[in-house]
Amino acid sequence: MAVFEKVQAIIVEELGKETEEVQLTTTFEDLDADSLDLFQVISEIEDEFDIQIDSEEGMTTVADLVAYVEKETN
């Protein structure tokens, strides 16, 4: 499964959104995600990919998060 699909599934699960609502261009603001929501998403992604995300700073879209995960896992 591609990184985007895994990240998308985690966001859908954690935020209770529909899959089609979570695209690469979607911002966390579009998803009405507050800092606690984002923390939970980041935590799940860290567990899933066995990486450490130091800060979600600068991550405003799903694409930003996917790019970070891809960089850390390659």
PDB file of N, CA and C in Angstrom:
ATOM      1  N   MET A   1       0.845  -1.187   0.000  1.00  0.00           N
ATOM      2  CA  MET A   1       0.000   0.000   0.000  1.00  0.00           C
ATOM      3  C   MET A   1       0.886   1.245   0.000  1.00  0.00           C
ATOM      4  N   ALA A   2       0.510   2.222  -0.780  1.00  0.00           N
ATOM      5  CA  ALA A   2       1.275   3.458  -0.888  1.00  0.00           C
ATOM      6  C   ALA A   2       1.181   4.258   0.416  1.00  0.00           C
ATOM      7  N   VAL A   3       2.184   5.072   0.650  1.00  0.00           N
ATOM      8  CA  VAL A   3       2.227   5.904   1.852  1.00  0.00           C
ATOM      9  C   VAL A   3       0.958   6.755   1.948  1.00  0.00           C
ATOM     10  N   PHE A   4       0.562   7.381   0.829  1.00  0.00           N
ATOM     11  CA  PHE A   4      -0.634   8.225   0.858  1.00  0.00           C
ATOM     12  C   PHE A   4      -1.858   7.449   1.335  1.00  0.00           C
ATOM     13  N   GLU A   5      -2.020   6.234   0.821  1.00  0.00           N
ATOM     14  CA  GLU A   5      -3.204   5.448   1.188  1.00  0.00           C
ATOM     15  C   GLU A   5      -3.214   5.110   2.678  1.00  0.00           C
ATOM     16  N   LYS A   6      -2.049   4.796   3.233  1.00  0.00           N
ATOM     17  CA  LYS A   6      -1.967   4.504   4.669  1.00  0.00           C
ATOM     18  C   LYS A   6      -2.260   5.758   5.491  1.00  0.00           C
ATOM     19  N   VAL A   7      -1.638   6.872   5.093  1.00  0.00           N
ATOM     20  CA  VAL A   7      -1.858   8.140   5.796  1.00  0.00           C
ATOM     21  C   VAL A   7      -3.333   8.532   5.691  1.00  0.00           C
ATOM     22  N   GLN A   8      -3.885   8.392   4.507  1.00  0.00           N
ATOM     23  CA  GLN A   8      -5.293   8.718   4.278  1.00  0.00           C
ATOM     24  C   GLN A   8      -6.196   7.878   5.197  1.00  0.00           C
ATOM     25  N   ALA A   9      -5.925   6.577   5.278  1.00  0.00           N
ATOM     26  CA  ALA A   9      -6.724   5.686   6.116  1.00  0.00           C
ATOM     27  C   ALA A   9      -6.648   6.094   7.589  1.00  0.00           C
ATOM     28  N   ILE A  10      -5.462   6.483   8.046  1.00  0.00           N
ATOM     29  CA  ILE A  10      -5.290   6.918   9.438  1.00  0.00           C
ATOM     30  C   ILE A  10      -6.085   8.193   9.693  1.00  0.00           C
ATOM     31  N   ILE A  11      -6.002   9.154   8.779  1.00  0.00           N
ATOM     32  CA  ILE A  11      -6.732  10.414   8.941  1.00  0.00           C
ATOM     33  C   ILE A  11      -8.238  10.159   8.949  1.00  0.00           C
ATOM     34  N   VAL A  12      -8.708   9.325   8.038  1.00  0.00           N
ATOM     35  CA  VAL A  12     -10.139   8.989   7.970  1.00  0.00           C
ATOM     36  C   VAL A  12     -10.589   8.371   9.291  1.00  0.00           C
ATOM     37  N   GLU A  13      -9.794   7.432   9.795  1.00  0.00           N
ATOM     38  CA  GLU A  13     -10.118   6.744  11.047  1.00  0.00           C
ATOM     39  C   GLU A  13     -10.113   7.698  12.242  1.00  0.00           C
ATOM     40  N   GLU A  14      -9.053   8.498  12.363  1.00  0.00           N
ATOM     41  CA  GLU A  14      -8.887   9.365  13.533  1.00  0.00           C
ATOM     42  C   GLU A  14      -9.860  10.546  13.548  1.00  0.00           C
ATOM     43  N   LEU A  15     -10.153  11.081  12.366  1.00  0.00           N
ATOM     44  CA  LEU A  15     -10.984  12.289  12.306  1.00  0.00           C
ATOM     45  C   LEU A  15     -12.431  11.990  11.925  1.00  0.00           C
ATOM     46  N   GLY A  16     -12.732  10.724  11.644  1.00  0.00           N
ATOM     47  CA  GLY A  16     -14.098  10.362  11.294  1.00  0.00           C
ATOM     48  C   GLY A  16     -14.576  10.999  10.003  1.00  0.00           C
ATOM     49  N   LYS A  17     -13.695  11.096   9.032  1.00  0.00           N
ATOM     50  CA  LYS A  17     -14.032  11.703   7.738  1.00  0.00           C
ATOM     51  C   LYS A  17     -14.277  10.619   6.701  1.00  0.00           C
ATOM     52  N   GLU A  18     -14.827  11.035   5.570  1.00  0.00           N
ATOM     53  CA  GLU A  18     -15.000  10.132   4.430  1.00  0.00           C
ATOM     54  C   GLU A  18     -13.688  10.095   3.650  1.00  0.00           C
ATOM     55  N   THR A  19     -13.381   8.951   3.043  1.00  0.00           N
ATOM     56  CA  THR A  19     -12.135   8.790   2.295  1.00  0.00           C
ATOM     57  C   THR A  19     -11.979   9.876   1.229  1.00  0.00           C
ATOM     58  N   GLU A  20     -13.067  10.181   0.508  1.00  0.00           N
ATOM     59  CA  GLU A  20     -12.949  11.169  -0.578  1.00  0.00           C
ATOM     60  C   GLU A  20     -12.706  12.588  -0.062  1.00  0.00           C
ATOM     61  N   GLU A  21     -12.902  12.823   1.232  1.00  0.00           N
ATOM     62  CA  GLU A  21     -12.609  14.137   1.813  1.00  0.00           C
ATOM     63  C   GLU A  21     -11.112  14.347   2.036  1.00  0.00           C
ATOM     64  N   VAL A  22     -10.342  13.253   2.061  1.00  0.00           N
ATOM     65  CA  VAL A  22      -8.917  13.320   2.392  1.00  0.00           C
ATOM     66  C   VAL A  22      -8.098  13.065   1.127  1.00  0.00           C
ATOM     67  N   GLN A  23      -7.665  14.150   0.498  1.00  0.00           N
ATOM     68  CA  GLN A  23      -6.848  14.089  -0.707  1.00  0.00           C
ATOM     69  C   GLN A  23      -5.513  14.773  -0.429  1.00  0.00           C
ATOM     70  N   LEU A  24      -4.576  14.649  -1.348  1.00  0.00           N
ATOM     71  CA  LEU A  24      -3.250  15.258  -1.136  1.00  0.00           C
ATOM     72  C   LEU A  24      -3.340  16.765  -0.928  1.00  0.00           C
ATOM     73  N   THR A  25      -4.256  17.415  -1.609  1.00  0.00           N
ATOM     74  CA  THR A  25      -4.367  18.877  -1.520  1.00  0.00           C
ATOM     75  C   THR A  25      -5.193  19.342  -0.330  1.00  0.00           C
ATOM     76  N   THR A  26      -5.788  18.408   0.404  1.00  0.00           N
ATOM     77  CA  THR A  26      -6.618  18.755   1.554  1.00  0.00           C
ATOM     78  C   THR A  26      -5.751  19.316   2.676  1.00  0.00           C
ATOM     79  N   THR A  27      -6.193  20.437   3.250  1.00  0.00           N
ATOM     80  CA  THR A  27      -5.480  20.980   4.406  1.00  0.00           C
ATOM     81  C   THR A  27      -6.117  20.428   5.679  1.00  0.00           C
ATOM     82  N   PHE A  28      -5.366  20.478   6.761  1.00  0.00           N
ATOM     83  CA  PHE A  28      -5.918  20.019   8.035  1.00  0.00           C
ATOM     84  C   PHE A  28      -7.019  20.968   8.493  1.00  0.00           C
ATOM     85  N   GLU A  29      -6.923  22.226   8.055  1.00  0.00           N
ATOM     86  CA  GLU A  29      -7.976  23.194   8.346  1.00  0.00           C
ATOM     87  C   GLU A  29      -9.276  22.787   7.636  1.00  0.00           C
ATOM     88  N   ASP A  30      -9.147  22.306   6.394  1.00  0.00           N
ATOM     89  CA  ASP A  30     -10.327  21.817   5.651  1.00  0.00           C
ATOM     90  C   ASP A  30     -11.030  20.700   6.417  1.00  0.00           C
ATOM     91  N   LEU A  31     -10.236  19.912   7.148  1.00  0.00           N
ATOM     92  CA  LEU A  31     -10.766  18.763   7.879  1.00  0.00           C
ATOM     93  C   LEU A  31     -11.236  19.135   9.290  1.00  0.00           C
ATOM     94  N   ASP A  32     -11.169  20.444   9.605  1.00  0.00           N
ATOM     95  CA  ASP A  32     -11.528  20.924  10.948  1.00  0.00           C
ATOM     96  C   ASP A  32     -10.728  20.225  12.041  1.00  0.00           C
ATOM     97  N   ALA A  33      -9.453  19.955  11.756  1.00  0.00           N
ATOM     98  CA  ALA A  33      -8.592  19.266  12.719  1.00  0.00           C
ATOM     99  C   ALA A  33      -7.955  20.286  13.660  1.00  0.00           C
ATOM    100  N   ASP A  34      -8.175  20.093  14.954  1.00  0.00           N
ATOM    101  CA  ASP A  34      -7.501  20.959  15.922  1.00  0.00           C
ATOM    102  C   ASP A  34      -6.163  20.324  16.315  1.00  0.00           C
ATOM    103  N   SER A  35      -5.458  20.957  17.237  1.00  0.00           N
ATOM    104  CA  SER A  35      -4.119  20.460  17.572  1.00  0.00           C
ATOM    105  C   SER A  35      -4.167  19.061  18.193  1.00  0.00           C
ATOM    106  N   LEU A  36      -5.207  18.751  18.949  1.00  0.00           N
ATOM    107  CA  LEU A  36      -5.321  17.414  19.532  1.00  0.00           C
ATOM    108  C   LEU A  36      -5.570  16.371  18.437  1.00  0.00           C
ATOM    109  N   ASP A  37      -6.434  16.710  17.484  1.00  0.00           N
ATOM    110  CA  ASP A  37      -6.682  15.805  16.350  1.00  0.00           C
ATOM    111  C   ASP A  37      -5.382  15.527  15.614  1.00  0.00           C
ATOM    112  N   LEU A  38      -4.643  16.594  15.351  1.00  0.00           N
ATOM    113  CA  LEU A  38      -3.388  16.464  14.610  1.00  0.00           C
ATOM    114  C   LEU A  38      -2.390  15.620  15.398  1.00  0.00           C
ATOM    115  N   PHE A  39      -2.338  15.808  16.711  1.00  0.00           N
ATOM    116  CA  PHE A  39      -1.457  15.014  17.569  1.00  0.00           C
ATOM    117  C   PHE A  39      -1.810  13.525  17.448  1.00  0.00           C
ATOM    118  N   GLN A  40      -3.101  13.212  17.474  1.00  0.00           N
ATOM    119  CA  GLN A  40      -3.528  11.812  17.381  1.00  0.00           C
ATOM    120  C   GLN A  40      -3.165  11.219  16.022  1.00  0.00           C
ATOM    121  N   VAL A  41      -3.366  11.983  14.957  1.00  0.00           N
ATOM    122  CA  VAL A  41      -3.012  11.523  13.608  1.00  0.00           C
ATOM    123  C   VAL A  41      -1.513  11.263  13.531  1.00  0.00           C
ATOM    124  N   ILE A  42      -0.715  12.227  13.999  1.00  0.00           N
ATOM    125  CA  ILE A  42       0.748  12.108  13.973  1.00  0.00           C
ATOM    126  C   ILE A  42       1.193  10.878  14.780  1.00  0.00           C
ATOM    127  N   SER A  43       0.610  10.691  15.938  1.00  0.00           N
ATOM    128  CA  SER A  43       0.955   9.560  16.797  1.00  0.00           C
ATOM    129  C   SER A  43       0.693   8.228  16.090  1.00  0.00           C
ATOM    130  N   GLU A  44      -0.457   8.104  15.448  1.00  0.00           N
ATOM    131  CA  GLU A  44      -0.792   6.887  14.706  1.00  0.00           C
ATOM    132  C   GLU A  44       0.166   6.664  13.540  1.00  0.00           C
ATOM    133  N   ILE A  45       0.524   7.740  12.853  1.00  0.00           N
ATOM    134  CA  ILE A  45       1.453   7.636  11.712  1.00  0.00           C
ATOM    135  C   ILE A  45       2.834   7.211  12.197  1.00  0.00           C
ATOM    136  N   GLU A  46       3.274   7.772  13.325  1.00  0.00           N
ATOM    137  CA  GLU A  46       4.563   7.369  13.895  1.00  0.00           C
ATOM    138  C   GLU A  46       4.578   5.881  14.203  1.00  0.00           C
ATOM    139  N   ASP A  47       3.488   5.383  14.792  1.00  0.00           N
ATOM    140  CA  ASP A  47       3.396   3.955  15.114  1.00  0.00           C
ATOM    141  C   ASP A  47       3.370   3.101  13.851  1.00  0.00           C
ATOM    142  N   GLU A  48       2.573   3.515  12.877  1.00  0.00           N
ATOM    143  CA  GLU A  48       2.402   2.741  11.634  1.00  0.00           C
ATOM    144  C   GLU A  48       3.712   2.625  10.856  1.00  0.00           C
ATOM    145  N   PHE A  49       4.457   3.735  10.766  1.00  0.00           N
ATOM    146  CA  PHE A  49       5.665   3.756   9.936  1.00  0.00           C
ATOM    147  C   PHE A  49       6.952   3.616  10.747  1.00  0.00           C
ATOM    148  N   ASP A  50       6.835   3.529  12.078  1.00  0.00           N
ATOM    149  CA  ASP A  50       7.987   3.425  12.969  1.00  0.00           C
ATOM    150  C   ASP A  50       8.987   4.557  12.722  1.00  0.00           C
ATOM    151  N   ILE A  51       8.443   5.773  12.736  1.00  0.00           N
ATOM    152  CA  ILE A  51       9.272   6.975  12.582  1.00  0.00           C
ATOM    153  C   ILE A  51       8.932   7.943  13.712  1.00  0.00           C
ATOM    154  N   GLN A  52       9.745   8.977  13.836  1.00  0.00           N
ATOM    155  CA  GLN A  52       9.492  10.034  14.813  1.00  0.00           C
ATOM    156  C   GLN A  52       9.265  11.329  14.047  1.00  0.00           C
ATOM    157  N   ILE A  53       8.137  11.971  14.286  1.00  0.00           N
ATOM    158  CA  ILE A  53       7.846  13.258  13.661  1.00  0.00           C
ATOM    159  C   ILE A  53       8.066  14.305  14.741  1.00  0.00           C
ATOM    160  N   ASP A  54       9.137  15.096  14.569  1.00  0.00           N
ATOM    161  CA  ASP A  54       9.525  16.051  15.597  1.00  0.00           C
ATOM    162  C   ASP A  54       8.493  17.147  15.797  1.00  0.00           C
ATOM    163  N   SER A  55       7.956  17.639  14.710  1.00  0.00           N
ATOM    164  CA  SER A  55       7.010  18.747  14.800  1.00  0.00           C
ATOM    165  C   SER A  55       6.135  18.737  13.569  1.00  0.00           C
ATOM    166  N   GLU A  56       4.869  19.035  13.782  1.00  0.00           N
ATOM    167  CA  GLU A  56       3.987  19.116  12.615  1.00  0.00           C
ATOM    168  C   GLU A  56       4.030  20.505  11.989  1.00  0.00           C
ATOM    169  N   GLU A  57       4.976  21.326  12.483  1.00  0.00           N
ATOM    170  CA  GLU A  57       5.127  22.663  11.954  1.00  0.00           C
ATOM    171  C   GLU A  57       5.405  22.628  10.459  1.00  0.00           C
ATOM    172  N   GLY A  58       4.734  23.464   9.723  1.00  0.00           N
ATOM    173  CA  GLY A  58       4.933  23.505   8.282  1.00  0.00           C
ATOM    174  C   GLY A  58       4.120  22.469   7.538  1.00  0.00           C
ATOM    175  N   MET A  59       3.447  21.589   8.265  1.00  0.00           N
ATOM    176  CA  MET A  59       2.603  20.588   7.618  1.00  0.00           C
ATOM    177  C   MET A  59       1.173  21.104   7.607  1.00  0.00           C
ATOM    178  N   THR A  60       0.787  21.644   6.469  1.00  0.00           N
ATOM    179  CA  THR A  60      -0.557  22.205   6.392  1.00  0.00           C
ATOM    180  C   THR A  60      -1.485  21.359   5.529  1.00  0.00           C
ATOM    181  N   THR A  61      -0.893  20.539   4.663  1.00  0.00           N
ATOM    182  CA  THR A  61      -1.716  19.689   3.803  1.00  0.00           C
ATOM    183  C   THR A  61      -1.359  18.221   4.019  1.00  0.00           C
ATOM    184  N   VAL A  62      -2.236  17.365   3.538  1.00  0.00           N
ATOM    185  CA  VAL A  62      -1.978  15.931   3.591  1.00  0.00           C
ATOM    186  C   VAL A  62      -0.703  15.622   2.799  1.00  0.00           C
ATOM    187  N   ALA A  63      -0.494  16.315   1.687  1.00  0.00           N
ATOM    188  CA  ALA A  63       0.715  16.102   0.871  1.00  0.00           C
ATOM    189  C   ALA A  63       1.985  16.391   1.666  1.00  0.00           C
ATOM    190  N   ASP A  64       1.973  17.432   2.514  1.00  0.00           N
ATOM    191  CA  ASP A  64       3.140  17.755   3.344  1.00  0.00           C
ATOM    192  C   ASP A  64       3.473  16.589   4.269  1.00  0.00           C
ATOM    193  N   LEU A  65       2.437  16.023   4.859  1.00  0.00           N
ATOM    194  CA  LEU A  65       2.625  14.903   5.777  1.00  0.00           C
ATOM    195  C   LEU A  65       3.120  13.663   5.042  1.00  0.00           C
ATOM    196  N   VAL A  66       2.538  13.378   3.892  1.00  0.00           N
ATOM    197  CA  VAL A  66       2.958  12.224   3.083  1.00  0.00           C
ATOM    198  C   VAL A  66       4.414  12.383   2.664  1.00  0.00           C
ATOM    199  N   ALA A  67       4.793  13.571   2.215  1.00  0.00           N
ATOM    200  CA  ALA A  67       6.178  13.818   1.786  1.00  0.00           C
ATOM    201  C   ALA A  67       7.147  13.606   2.947  1.00  0.00           C
ATOM    202  N   TYR A  68       6.772  14.045   4.128  1.00  0.00           N
ATOM    203  CA  TYR A  68       7.628  13.865   5.306  1.00  0.00           C
ATOM    204  C   TYR A  68       7.811  12.383   5.609  1.00  0.00           C
ATOM    205  N   VAL A  69       6.706  11.640   5.602  1.00  0.00           N
ATOM    206  CA  VAL A  69       6.767  10.203   5.885  1.00  0.00           C
ATOM    207  C   VAL A  69       7.629   9.500   4.836  1.00  0.00           C
ATOM    208  N   GLU A  70       7.450   9.834   3.569  1.00  0.00           N
ATOM    209  CA  GLU A  70       8.239   9.198   2.498  1.00  0.00           C
ATOM    210  C   GLU A  70       9.717   9.489   2.692  1.00  0.00           C
ATOM    211  N   LYS A  71      10.053  10.728   3.061  1.00  0.00           N
ATOM    212  CA  LYS A  71      11.457  11.101   3.278  1.00  0.00           C
ATOM    213  C   LYS A  71      12.045  10.296   4.439  1.00  0.00           C
ATOM    214  N   GLU A  72      11.283  10.142   5.508  1.00  0.00           N
ATOM    215  CA  GLU A  72      11.765   9.450   6.707  1.00  0.00           C
ATOM    216  C   GLU A  72      11.859   7.937   6.521  1.00  0.00           C
ATOM    217  N   THR A  73      11.077   7.375   5.617  1.00  0.00           N
ATOM    218  CA  THR A  73      11.053   5.920   5.462  1.00  0.00           C
ATOM    219  C   THR A  73      11.937   5.430   4.318  1.00  0.00           C
ATOM    220  N   ASN A  74      12.529   6.343   3.568  1.00  0.00           N
ATOM    221  CA  ASN A  74      13.416   5.928   2.454  1.00  0.00           C
ATOM    222  C   ASN A  74      14.875   6.016   2.832  1.00  0.00           C
TER     223      ASN A  74
END
